[in-house]
Amino acid sequence: MQLIGMLDSPYVRRVAVALIAANVPFEHRPISLFRHIDAFSAINPLLKAPTFVADDGTVLIDSTLILDYLAGLYPALAALTPREPGDRGRALRLTGVALVAMEKAVQRHYERALRPEDKRHQPWVDRVMGQLHQGLGALDSELPETGWIAGDLGLADIAAACAYGFAAGVVGDVVDLGAYRNLGAFSARAEALPAFRAAPAEDGVAAPVAV
Protein backbone atom coordinates (compact mmCIF):
# COMPACT_ATOMS: atom_id res chain seq x y z
CA MET A 1 0.00 0.00 0.00
CA GLN A 2 1.24 3.45 -0.87
CA LEU A 3 0.49 6.86 0.62
CA ILE A 4 1.13 9.59 -1.94
CA GLY A 5 1.77 13.20 -0.94
CA MET A 6 3.97 15.51 1.07
CA LEU A 7 4.03 15.53 4.86
CA ASP A 8 3.81 19.32 4.92
CA SER A 9 0.15 18.73 3.98
CA PRO A 10 -1.81 18.28 7.23
CA TYR A 11 -4.08 15.79 5.46
CA VAL A 12 -1.23 13.59 4.28
CA ARG A 13 0.47 13.86 7.65
CA ARG A 14 -2.77 12.97 9.45
CA VAL A 15 -2.93 9.67 7.57
CA ALA A 16 0.78 8.91 7.95
CA VAL A 17 0.83 9.52 11.71
CA ALA A 18 -2.29 7.42 12.21
CA LEU A 19 -0.88 4.49 10.23
CA ILE A 20 2.42 4.64 12.09
CA ALA A 21 0.62 4.83 15.45
CA ALA A 22 -1.46 1.76 14.54
CA ASN A 23 1.51 -0.15 13.05
CA VAL A 24 -0.20 -0.43 9.68
CA PRO A 25 2.27 -1.36 6.90
CA PHE A 26 2.54 1.18 4.08
CA GLU A 27 5.02 2.92 1.81
CA HIS A 28 5.09 6.70 1.75
CA ARG A 29 5.95 8.41 -1.53
CA PRO A 30 6.51 12.17 -1.03
CA ILE A 31 5.39 13.31 -4.48
CA SER A 32 4.53 17.01 -4.76
CA LEU A 33 1.33 18.25 -6.37
CA PHE A 34 3.27 21.22 -7.69
CA ARG A 35 6.84 20.11 -8.44
CA HIS A 36 6.04 16.56 -9.55
CA ILE A 37 2.73 17.15 -11.27
CA ASP A 38 3.32 14.61 -14.05
CA ALA A 39 4.29 11.87 -11.59
CA PHE A 40 1.32 12.64 -9.36
CA SER A 41 -1.07 12.83 -12.30
CA ALA A 42 0.03 9.39 -13.47
CA ILE A 43 -1.22 8.00 -10.14
CA ASN A 44 -4.23 10.26 -9.68
CA PRO A 45 -5.16 12.72 -12.45
CA LEU A 46 -7.48 14.46 -9.98
CA LEU A 47 -4.31 15.79 -8.31
CA LYS A 48 -5.61 15.39 -4.77
CA ALA A 49 -3.41 14.73 -1.75
CA PRO A 50 -3.40 12.46 0.03
CA THR A 51 -3.86 9.76 -2.55
CA PHE A 52 -3.73 6.15 -1.37
CA VAL A 53 -3.04 3.14 -3.56
CA ALA A 54 -4.41 -0.06 -2.04
CA ASP A 55 -2.83 -3.46 -2.54
CA ASP A 56 -5.41 -4.32 -5.18
CA GLY A 57 -4.63 -1.15 -7.11
CA THR A 58 -7.67 0.83 -5.96
CA VAL A 59 -6.83 4.53 -5.76
CA LEU A 60 -8.48 6.34 -2.86
CA ILE A 61 -8.63 10.06 -2.11
CA ASP A 62 -9.55 12.17 0.93
CA SER A 63 -7.85 11.53 4.26
CA THR A 64 -11.09 10.65 6.08
CA LEU A 65 -12.13 8.10 3.45
CA ILE A 66 -8.65 6.57 3.38
CA LEU A 67 -8.65 6.12 7.15
CA ASP A 68 -12.18 4.72 7.08
CA TYR A 69 -11.18 2.14 4.45
CA LEU A 70 -8.10 1.08 6.38
CA ALA A 71 -10.00 0.92 9.67
CA GLY A 72 -12.03 -1.86 8.08
CA LEU A 73 -8.85 -3.82 7.45
CA TYR A 74 -6.83 -3.10 10.59
CA PRO A 75 -8.48 -3.34 14.04
CA ALA A 76 -5.65 -1.33 15.61
CA LEU A 77 -6.51 1.59 13.36
CA ALA A 78 -10.24 1.22 14.03
CA ALA A 79 -9.44 1.31 17.75
CA LEU A 80 -8.11 4.86 17.35
CA THR A 81 -11.75 6.02 17.27
CA PRO A 82 -13.66 5.38 20.52
CA ARG A 83 -16.59 2.96 20.45
CA GLU A 84 -18.49 4.28 23.48
CA PRO A 85 -21.13 6.69 22.08
CA GLY A 86 -20.27 9.67 24.29
CA ASP A 87 -16.53 9.49 23.65
CA ARG A 88 -17.11 8.69 19.99
CA GLY A 89 -19.34 11.69 19.48
CA ARG A 90 -16.84 14.01 21.13
CA ALA A 91 -13.96 12.57 19.13
CA LEU A 92 -15.84 12.93 15.85
CA ARG A 93 -16.85 16.49 16.69
CA LEU A 94 -13.28 17.52 17.42
CA THR A 95 -12.05 15.74 14.30
CA GLY A 96 -14.53 17.77 12.27
CA VAL A 97 -13.42 21.01 13.91
CA ALA A 98 -9.77 20.15 13.26
CA LEU A 99 -10.52 19.44 9.60
CA VAL A 100 -12.19 22.84 9.25
CA ALA A 101 -9.15 24.51 10.83
CA MET A 102 -6.90 22.63 8.37
CA GLU A 103 -9.04 23.68 5.41
CA LYS A 104 -9.11 27.34 6.38
CA ALA A 105 -5.36 27.44 7.05
CA VAL A 106 -4.80 25.89 3.61
CA GLN A 107 -7.09 28.44 1.98
CA ARG A 108 -5.37 31.36 3.70
CA HIS A 109 -1.97 30.01 2.77
CA TYR A 110 -2.88 29.51 -0.89
CA GLU A 111 -4.54 32.92 -1.08
CA ARG A 112 -1.23 34.66 -0.56
CA ALA A 113 1.12 32.01 -1.91
CA LEU A 114 -0.61 31.51 -5.26
CA ARG A 115 -2.86 34.50 -5.91
CA PRO A 116 -1.34 37.86 -6.99
CA GLU A 117 -1.79 40.54 -4.37
CA ASP A 118 -3.96 42.72 -6.59
CA LYS A 119 -6.33 39.79 -7.16
CA ARG A 120 -6.98 39.01 -3.48
CA HIS A 121 -10.48 39.64 -2.18
CA GLN A 122 -10.27 40.98 1.37
CA PRO A 123 -13.83 40.05 2.39
CA TRP A 124 -13.03 36.45 1.47
CA VAL A 125 -9.75 36.57 3.40
CA ASP A 126 -11.59 37.98 6.43
CA ARG A 127 -14.19 35.22 6.23
CA VAL A 128 -11.56 32.49 6.03
CA MET A 129 -9.60 33.97 8.92
CA GLY A 130 -12.75 34.19 11.01
CA GLN A 131 -13.48 30.52 10.37
CA LEU A 132 -9.89 29.60 11.17
CA HIS A 133 -10.02 31.46 14.48
CA GLN A 134 -13.33 29.83 15.34
CA GLY A 135 -11.85 26.40 14.67
CA LEU A 136 -8.69 27.00 16.65
CA GLY A 137 -10.70 28.55 19.48
CA ALA A 138 -13.04 25.57 19.68
CA LEU A 139 -10.12 23.15 19.82
CA ASP A 140 -8.40 25.29 22.44
CA SER A 141 -11.46 25.31 24.72
CA GLU A 142 -12.59 21.70 24.19
CA LEU A 143 -9.36 19.70 24.16
CA PRO A 144 -8.21 18.24 27.50
CA GLU A 145 -5.49 20.07 29.37
CA THR A 146 -3.75 16.76 30.08
CA GLY A 147 -3.76 13.48 28.21
CA TRP A 148 -5.93 12.77 25.21
CA ILE A 149 -9.55 13.13 24.17
CA ALA A 150 -10.68 9.62 25.09
CA GLY A 151 -7.92 8.10 27.17
CA ASP A 152 -5.37 6.90 24.63
CA LEU A 153 -4.14 8.79 21.57
CA GLY A 154 -6.73 8.61 18.81
CA LEU A 155 -7.54 9.93 15.36
CA ALA A 156 -9.15 13.06 16.80
CA ASP A 157 -6.00 13.91 18.75
CA ILE A 158 -3.90 13.36 15.63
CA ALA A 159 -6.15 15.61 13.55
CA ALA A 160 -6.08 18.40 16.15
CA ALA A 161 -2.30 18.35 16.45
CA CYS A 162 -1.81 18.24 12.67
CA ALA A 163 -4.18 21.18 12.24
CA TYR A 164 -2.34 23.29 14.80
CA GLY A 165 1.07 22.36 13.45
CA PHE A 166 0.10 23.31 9.91
CA ALA A 167 -1.49 26.59 10.96
CA ALA A 168 1.57 27.50 13.02
CA GLY A 169 3.86 26.67 10.13
CA VAL A 170 2.14 28.49 7.28
CA VAL A 171 -0.01 31.26 8.79
CA GLY A 172 1.55 31.69 12.20
CA ASP A 173 2.63 35.20 11.24
CA VAL A 174 -1.00 36.31 10.81
CA VAL A 175 -2.57 34.24 13.60
CA ASP A 176 -2.04 35.04 17.28
CA LEU A 177 -1.16 31.52 18.37
CA GLY A 178 -0.62 32.77 21.90
CA ALA A 179 -4.39 33.01 22.16
CA TYR A 180 -4.56 29.22 21.95
CA ARG A 181 -2.25 28.11 24.72
CA ASN A 182 -4.10 24.90 25.59
CA LEU A 183 -4.15 23.83 21.94
CA GLY A 184 -0.45 24.67 21.66
CA ALA A 185 0.40 22.58 24.72
CA PHE A 186 -1.78 19.74 23.45
CA SER A 187 0.00 19.82 20.10
CA ALA A 188 3.39 19.85 21.78
CA ARG A 189 2.50 16.67 23.71
CA ALA A 190 1.50 15.00 20.46
CA GLU A 191 4.57 16.17 18.54
CA ALA A 192 6.78 14.54 21.17
CA LEU A 193 5.35 11.10 20.39
CA PRO A 194 7.27 8.64 18.17
CA ALA A 195 4.56 8.51 15.49
CA PHE A 196 4.65 12.29 15.05
CA ARG A 197 8.44 12.45 15.10
CA ALA A 198 8.56 9.75 12.42
CA ALA A 199 6.37 11.85 10.12
CA PRO A 200 7.48 15.47 10.55
CA ALA A 201 5.60 18.22 8.73
CA GLU A 202 8.45 18.82 6.30
CA ASP A 203 8.58 19.14 2.54
CA GLY A 204 10.13 16.11 0.86
CA VAL A 205 10.57 13.95 3.94
CA ALA A 206 9.40 10.37 3.63
CA ALA A 207 7.77 8.60 6.54
CA PRO A 208 9.58 5.35 7.39
CA VAL A 209 8.47 2.24 5.56
CA ALA A 210 6.42 0.05 7.88
CA VAL A 211 6.59 -3.71 7.41
C-alpha atoms as a PDB file:
ATOM      1  CA  MET A   1       0.000   0.000   0.000  1.00  0.00           C
ATOM      2  CA  GLN A   2       1.237   3.450  -0.868  1.00  0.00           C
ATOM      3  CA  LEU A   3       0.495   6.859   0.620  1.00  0.00           C
ATOM      4  CA  ILE A   4       1.135   9.593  -1.937  1.00  0.00           C
ATOM      5  CA  GLY A   5       1.765  13.201  -0.941  1.00  0.00           C
ATOM      6  CA  MET A   6       3.969  15.506   1.075  1.00  0.00           C
ATOM      7  CA  LEU A   7       4.027  15.535   4.865  1.00  0.00           C
ATOM      8  CA  ASP A   8       3.807  19.323   4.922  1.00  0.00           C
ATOM      9  CA  SER A   9       0.151  18.734   3.980  1.00  0.00           C
ATOM     10  CA  PRO A  10      -1.812  18.285   7.227  1.00  0.00           C
ATOM     11  CA  TYR A  11      -4.080  15.794   5.464  1.00  0.00           C
ATOM     12  CA  VAL A  12      -1.227  13.592   4.278  1.00  0.00           C
ATOM     13  CA  ARG A  13       0.465  13.855   7.651  1.00  0.00           C
ATOM     14  CA  ARG A  14      -2.767  12.968   9.447  1.00  0.00           C
ATOM     15  CA  VAL A  15      -2.931   9.667   7.574  1.00  0.00           C
ATOM     16  CA  ALA A  16       0.785   8.909   7.955  1.00  0.00           C
ATOM     17  CA  VAL A  17       0.827   9.520  11.712  1.00  0.00           C
ATOM     18  CA  ALA A  18      -2.294   7.416  12.209  1.00  0.00           C
ATOM     19  CA  LEU A  19      -0.878   4.490  10.225  1.00  0.00           C
ATOM     20  CA  ILE A  20       2.417   4.638  12.092  1.00  0.00           C
ATOM     21  CA  ALA A  21       0.625   4.826  15.450  1.00  0.00           C
ATOM     22  CA  ALA A  22      -1.459   1.763  14.542  1.00  0.00           C
ATOM     23  CA  ASN A  23       1.509  -0.147  13.048  1.00  0.00           C
ATOM     24  CA  VAL A  24      -0.197  -0.433   9.677  1.00  0.00           C
ATOM     25  CA  PRO A  25       2.272  -1.363   6.905  1.00  0.00           C
ATOM     26  CA  PHE A  26       2.544   1.176   4.083  1.00  0.00           C
ATOM     27  CA  GLU A  27       5.024   2.915   1.813  1.00  0.00           C
ATOM     28  CA  HIS A  28       5.088   6.698   1.754  1.00  0.00           C
ATOM     29  CA  ARG A  29       5.955   8.413  -1.530  1.00  0.00           C
ATOM     30  CA  PRO A  30       6.513  12.166  -1.030  1.00  0.00           C
ATOM     31  CA  ILE A  31       5.386  13.309  -4.476  1.00  0.00           C
ATOM     32  CA  SER A  32       4.532  17.008  -4.756  1.00  0.00           C
ATOM     33  CA  LEU A  33       1.331  18.251  -6.373  1.00  0.00           C
ATOM     34  CA  PHE A  34       3.274  21.224  -7.691  1.00  0.00           C
ATOM     35  CA  ARG A  35       6.840  20.114  -8.435  1.00  0.00           C
ATOM     36  CA  HIS A  36       6.044  16.556  -9.551  1.00  0.00           C
ATOM     37  CA  ILE A  37       2.731  17.147 -11.271  1.00  0.00           C
ATOM     38  CA  ASP A  38       3.317  14.607 -14.048  1.00  0.00           C
ATOM     39  CA  ALA A  39       4.290  11.871 -11.592  1.00  0.00           C
ATOM     40  CA  PHE A  40       1.319  12.643  -9.357  1.00  0.00           C
ATOM     41  CA  SER A  41      -1.073  12.830 -12.297  1.00  0.00           C
ATOM     42  CA  ALA A  42       0.031   9.391 -13.471  1.00  0.00           C
ATOM     43  CA  ILE A  43      -1.218   7.995 -10.144  1.00  0.00           C
ATOM     44  CA  ASN A  44      -4.232  10.258  -9.677  1.00  0.00           C
ATOM     45  CA  PRO A  45      -5.159  12.718 -12.452  1.00  0.00           C
ATOM     46  CA  LEU A  46      -7.481  14.457  -9.976  1.00  0.00           C
ATOM     47  CA  LEU A  47      -4.312  15.786  -8.307  1.00  0.00           C
ATOM     48  CA  LYS A  48      -5.607  15.389  -4.769  1.00  0.00           C
ATOM     49  CA  ALA A  49      -3.405  14.727  -1.747  1.00  0.00           C
ATOM     50  CA  PRO A  50      -3.399  12.458   0.028  1.00  0.00           C
ATOM     51  CA  THR A  51      -3.860   9.755  -2.553  1.00  0.00           C
ATOM     52  CA  PHE A  52      -3.726   6.155  -1.373  1.00  0.00           C
ATOM     53  CA  VAL A  53      -3.037   3.139  -3.564  1.00  0.00           C
ATOM     54  CA  ALA A  54      -4.413  -0.059  -2.037  1.00  0.00           C
ATOM     55  CA  ASP A  55      -2.825  -3.456  -2.541  1.00  0.00           C
ATOM     56  CA  ASP A  56      -5.414  -4.325  -5.181  1.00  0.00           C
ATOM     57  CA  GLY A  57      -4.625  -1.145  -7.109  1.00  0.00           C
ATOM     58  CA  THR A  58      -7.668   0.826  -5.959  1.00  0.00           C
ATOM     59  CA  VAL A  59      -6.831   4.532  -5.763  1.00  0.00           C
ATOM     60  CA  LEU A  60      -8.484   6.341  -2.864  1.00  0.00           C
ATOM     61  CA  ILE A  61      -8.625  10.058  -2.107  1.00  0.00           C
ATOM     62  CA  ASP A  62      -9.550  12.171   0.933  1.00  0.00           C
ATOM     63  CA  SER A  63      -7.854  11.532   4.264  1.00  0.00           C
ATOM     64  CA  THR A  64     -11.089  10.647   6.078  1.00  0.00           C
ATOM     65  CA  LEU A  65     -12.126   8.097   3.453  1.00  0.00           C
ATOM     66  CA  ILE A  66      -8.649   6.570   3.377  1.00  0.00           C
ATOM     67  CA  LEU A  67      -8.651   6.123   7.151  1.00  0.00           C
ATOM     68  CA  ASP A  68     -12.175   4.721   7.076  1.00  0.00           C
ATOM     69  CA  TYR A  69     -11.182   2.143   4.455  1.00  0.00           C
ATOM     70  CA  LEU A  70      -8.098   1.078   6.377  1.00  0.00           C
ATOM     71  CA  ALA A  71      -9.998   0.916   9.673  1.00  0.00           C
ATOM     72  CA  GLY A  72     -12.031  -1.865   8.079  1.00  0.00           C
ATOM     73  CA  LEU A  73      -8.850  -3.823   7.455  1.00  0.00           C
ATOM     74  CA  TYR A  74      -6.832  -3.104  10.594  1.00  0.00           C
ATOM     75  CA  PRO A  75      -8.481  -3.342  14.040  1.00  0.00           C
ATOM     76  CA  ALA A  76      -5.645  -1.332  15.607  1.00  0.00           C
ATOM     77  CA  LEU A  77      -6.511   1.594  13.362  1.00  0.00           C
ATOM     78  CA  ALA A  78     -10.235   1.223  14.027  1.00  0.00           C
ATOM     79  CA  ALA A  79      -9.440   1.307  17.753  1.00  0.00           C
ATOM     80  CA  LEU A  80      -8.106   4.865  17.348  1.00  0.00           C
ATOM     81  CA  THR A  81     -11.749   6.020  17.265  1.00  0.00           C
ATOM     82  CA  PRO A  82     -13.664   5.380  20.521  1.00  0.00           C
ATOM     83  CA  ARG A  83     -16.593   2.960  20.449  1.00  0.00           C
ATOM     84  CA  GLU A  84     -18.490   4.284  23.479  1.00  0.00           C
ATOM     85  CA  PRO A  85     -21.127   6.692  22.084  1.00  0.00           C
ATOM     86  CA  GLY A  86     -20.274   9.666  24.286  1.00  0.00           C
ATOM     87  CA  ASP A  87     -16.535   9.491  23.651  1.00  0.00           C
ATOM     88  CA  ARG A  88     -17.109   8.691  19.991  1.00  0.00           C
ATOM     89  CA  GLY A  89     -19.345  11.695  19.478  1.00  0.00           C
ATOM     90  CA  ARG A  90     -16.836  14.014  21.134  1.00  0.00           C
ATOM     91  CA  ALA A  91     -13.957  12.573  19.126  1.00  0.00           C
ATOM     92  CA  LEU A  92     -15.842  12.933  15.847  1.00  0.00           C
ATOM     93  CA  ARG A  93     -16.854  16.495  16.689  1.00  0.00           C
ATOM     94  CA  LEU A  94     -13.279  17.521  17.420  1.00  0.00           C
ATOM     95  CA  THR A  95     -12.049  15.744  14.298  1.00  0.00           C
ATOM     96  CA  GLY A  96     -14.533  17.773  12.266  1.00  0.00           C
ATOM     97  CA  VAL A  97     -13.425  21.007  13.914  1.00  0.00           C
ATOM     98  CA  ALA A  98      -9.771  20.147  13.259  1.00  0.00           C
ATOM     99  CA  LEU A  99     -10.519  19.443   9.599  1.00  0.00           C
ATOM    100  CA  VAL A 100     -12.191  22.838   9.253  1.00  0.00           C
ATOM    101  CA  ALA A 101      -9.147  24.508  10.825  1.00  0.00           C
ATOM    102  CA  MET A 102      -6.900  22.632   8.368  1.00  0.00           C
ATOM    103  CA  GLU A 103      -9.039  23.678   5.414  1.00  0.00           C
ATOM    104  CA  LYS A 104      -9.105  27.339   6.379  1.00  0.00           C
ATOM    105  CA  ALA A 105      -5.360  27.439   7.054  1.00  0.00           C
ATOM    106  CA  VAL A 106      -4.797  25.887   3.613  1.00  0.00           C
ATOM    107  CA  GLN A 107      -7.094  28.439   1.978  1.00  0.00           C
ATOM    108  CA  ARG A 108      -5.375  31.361   3.704  1.00  0.00           C
ATOM    109  CA  HIS A 109      -1.968  30.008   2.766  1.00  0.00           C
ATOM    110  CA  TYR A 110      -2.878  29.506  -0.894  1.00  0.00           C
ATOM    111  CA  GLU A 111      -4.539  32.922  -1.084  1.00  0.00           C
ATOM    112  CA  ARG A 112      -1.232  34.665  -0.560  1.00  0.00           C
ATOM    113  CA  ALA A 113       1.122  32.007  -1.913  1.00  0.00           C
ATOM    114  CA  LEU A 114      -0.606  31.508  -5.260  1.00  0.00           C
ATOM    115  CA  ARG A 115      -2.856  34.505  -5.909  1.00  0.00           C
ATOM    116  CA  PRO A 116      -1.345  37.859  -6.991  1.00  0.00           C
ATOM    117  CA  GLU A 117      -1.785  40.538  -4.365  1.00  0.00           C
ATOM    118  CA  ASP A 118      -3.965  42.722  -6.594  1.00  0.00           C
ATOM    119  CA  LYS A 119      -6.332  39.785  -7.157  1.00  0.00           C
ATOM    120  CA  ARG A 120      -6.975  39.007  -3.483  1.00  0.00           C
ATOM    121  CA  HIS A 121     -10.478  39.642  -2.177  1.00  0.00           C
ATOM    122  CA  GLN A 122     -10.272  40.978   1.371  1.00  0.00           C
ATOM    123  CA  PRO A 123     -13.834  40.052   2.394  1.00  0.00           C
ATOM    124  CA  TRP A 124     -13.030  36.446   1.472  1.00  0.00           C
ATOM    125  CA  VAL A 125      -9.754  36.571   3.403  1.00  0.00           C
ATOM    126  CA  ASP A 126     -11.588  37.977   6.427  1.00  0.00           C
ATOM    127  CA  ARG A 127     -14.190  35.217   6.227  1.00  0.00           C
ATOM    128  CA  VAL A 128     -11.562  32.490   6.027  1.00  0.00           C
ATOM    129  CA  MET A 129      -9.601  33.972   8.916  1.00  0.00           C
ATOM    130  CA  GLY A 130     -12.749  34.191  11.010  1.00  0.00           C
ATOM    131  CA  GLN A 131     -13.479  30.520  10.373  1.00  0.00           C
ATOM    132  CA  LEU A 132      -9.894  29.595  11.175  1.00  0.00           C
ATOM    133  CA  HIS A 133     -10.023  31.459  14.484  1.00  0.00           C
ATOM    134  CA  GLN A 134     -13.335  29.825  15.342  1.00  0.00           C
ATOM    135  CA  GLY A 135     -11.852  26.397  14.674  1.00  0.00           C
ATOM    136  CA  LEU A 136      -8.688  26.996  16.653  1.00  0.00           C
ATOM    137  CA  GLY A 137     -10.697  28.549  19.477  1.00  0.00           C
ATOM    138  CA  ALA A 138     -13.036  25.570  19.682  1.00  0.00           C
ATOM    139  CA  LEU A 139     -10.116  23.152  19.822  1.00  0.00           C
ATOM    140  CA  ASP A 140      -8.401  25.291  22.441  1.00  0.00           C
ATOM    141  CA  SER A 141     -11.457  25.307  24.715  1.00  0.00           C
ATOM    142  CA  GLU A 142     -12.594  21.703  24.192  1.00  0.00           C
ATOM    143  CA  LEU A 143      -9.364  19.697  24.160  1.00  0.00           C
ATOM    144  CA  PRO A 144      -8.214  18.240  27.496  1.00  0.00           C
ATOM    145  CA  GLU A 145      -5.487  20.070  29.374  1.00  0.00           C
ATOM    146  CA  THR A 146      -3.753  16.764  30.080  1.00  0.00           C
ATOM    147  CA  GLY A 147      -3.756  13.485  28.214  1.00  0.00           C
ATOM    148  CA  TRP A 148      -5.934  12.771  25.208  1.00  0.00           C
ATOM    149  CA  ILE A 149      -9.554  13.135  24.170  1.00  0.00           C
ATOM    150  CA  ALA A 150     -10.682   9.616  25.091  1.00  0.00           C
ATOM    151  CA  GLY A 151      -7.922   8.102  27.171  1.00  0.00           C
ATOM    152  CA  ASP A 152      -5.373   6.901  24.634  1.00  0.00           C
ATOM    153  CA  LEU A 153      -4.141   8.791  21.572  1.00  0.00           C
ATOM    154  CA  GLY A 154      -6.734   8.611  18.807  1.00  0.00           C
ATOM    155  CA  LEU A 155      -7.537   9.932  15.358  1.00  0.00           C
ATOM    156  CA  ALA A 156      -9.154  13.059  16.796  1.00  0.00           C
ATOM    157  CA  ASP A 157      -5.999  13.905  18.749  1.00  0.00           C
ATOM    158  CA  ILE A 158      -3.901  13.359  15.627  1.00  0.00           C
ATOM    159  CA  ALA A 159      -6.154  15.613  13.550  1.00  0.00           C
ATOM    160  CA  ALA A 160      -6.085  18.399  16.147  1.00  0.00           C
ATOM    161  CA  ALA A 161      -2.298  18.353  16.449  1.00  0.00           C
ATOM    162  CA  CYS A 162      -1.809  18.243  12.671  1.00  0.00           C
ATOM    163  CA  ALA A 163      -4.179  21.183  12.238  1.00  0.00           C
ATOM    164  CA  TYR A 164      -2.339  23.292  14.802  1.00  0.00           C
ATOM    165  CA  GLY A 165       1.073  22.364  13.445  1.00  0.00           C
ATOM    166  CA  PHE A 166       0.102  23.309   9.914  1.00  0.00           C
ATOM    167  CA  ALA A 167      -1.490  26.593  10.960  1.00  0.00           C
ATOM    168  CA  ALA A 168       1.565  27.496  13.021  1.00  0.00           C
ATOM    169  CA  GLY A 169       3.861  26.666  10.127  1.00  0.00           C
ATOM    170  CA  VAL A 170       2.141  28.492   7.275  1.00  0.00           C
ATOM    171  CA  VAL A 171      -0.015  31.262   8.786  1.00  0.00           C
ATOM    172  CA  GLY A 172       1.554  31.686  12.203  1.00  0.00           C
ATOM    173  CA  ASP A 173       2.625  35.197  11.242  1.00  0.00           C
ATOM    174  CA  VAL A 174      -1.000  36.307  10.806  1.00  0.00           C
ATOM    175  CA  VAL A 175      -2.568  34.236  13.604  1.00  0.00           C
ATOM    176  CA  ASP A 176      -2.040  35.037  17.284  1.00  0.00           C
ATOM    177  CA  LEU A 177      -1.162  31.516  18.370  1.00  0.00           C
ATOM    178  CA  GLY A 178      -0.617  32.768  21.897  1.00  0.00           C
ATOM    179  CA  ALA A 179      -4.386  33.007  22.164  1.00  0.00           C
ATOM    180  CA  TYR A 180      -4.564  29.218  21.947  1.00  0.00           C
ATOM    181  CA  ARG A 181      -2.249  28.109  24.718  1.00  0.00           C
ATOM    182  CA  ASN A 182      -4.100  24.902  25.585  1.00  0.00           C
ATOM    183  CA  LEU A 183      -4.150  23.833  21.939  1.00  0.00           C
ATOM    184  CA  GLY A 184      -0.452  24.665  21.656  1.00  0.00           C
ATOM    185  CA  ALA A 185       0.399  22.582  24.716  1.00  0.00           C
ATOM    186  CA  PHE A 186      -1.784  19.737  23.449  1.00  0.00           C
ATOM    187  CA  SER A 187       0.000  19.817  20.097  1.00  0.00           C
ATOM    188  CA  ALA A 188       3.393  19.849  21.785  1.00  0.00           C
ATOM    189  CA  ARG A 189       2.497  16.672  23.709  1.00  0.00           C
ATOM    190  CA  ALA A 190       1.499  15.003  20.459  1.00  0.00           C
ATOM    191  CA  GLU A 191       4.567  16.174  18.544  1.00  0.00           C
ATOM    192  CA  ALA A 192       6.784  14.535  21.166  1.00  0.00           C
ATOM    193  CA  LEU A 193       5.346  11.095  20.387  1.00  0.00           C
ATOM    194  CA  PRO A 194       7.273   8.637  18.171  1.00  0.00           C
ATOM    195  CA  ALA A 195       4.558   8.511  15.485  1.00  0.00           C
ATOM    196  CA  PHE A 196       4.649  12.291  15.050  1.00  0.00           C
ATOM    197  CA  ARG A 197       8.441  12.445  15.096  1.00  0.00           C
ATOM    198  CA  ALA A 198       8.557   9.746  12.424  1.00  0.00           C
ATOM    199  CA  ALA A 199       6.370  11.847  10.118  1.00  0.00           C
ATOM    200  CA  PRO A 200       7.484  15.470  10.548  1.00  0.00           C
ATOM    201  CA  ALA A 201       5.604  18.220   8.730  1.00  0.00           C
ATOM    202  CA  GLU A 202       8.451  18.823   6.301  1.00  0.00           C
ATOM    203  CA  ASP A 203       8.578  19.144   2.538  1.00  0.00           C
ATOM    204  CA  GLY A 204      10.134  16.112   0.858  1.00  0.00           C
ATOM    205  CA  VAL A 205      10.571  13.951   3.944  1.00  0.00           C
ATOM    206  CA  ALA A 206       9.396  10.365   3.630  1.00  0.00           C
ATOM    207  CA  ALA A 207       7.772   8.601   6.538  1.00  0.00           C
ATOM    208  CA  PRO A 208       9.580   5.353   7.386  1.00  0.00           C
ATOM    209  CA  VAL A 209       8.473   2.241   5.560  1.00  0.00           C
ATOM    210  CA  ALA A 210       6.423   0.045   7.883  1.00  0.00           C
ATOM    211  CA  VAL A 211       6.587  -3.709   7.412  1.00  0.00           C
END
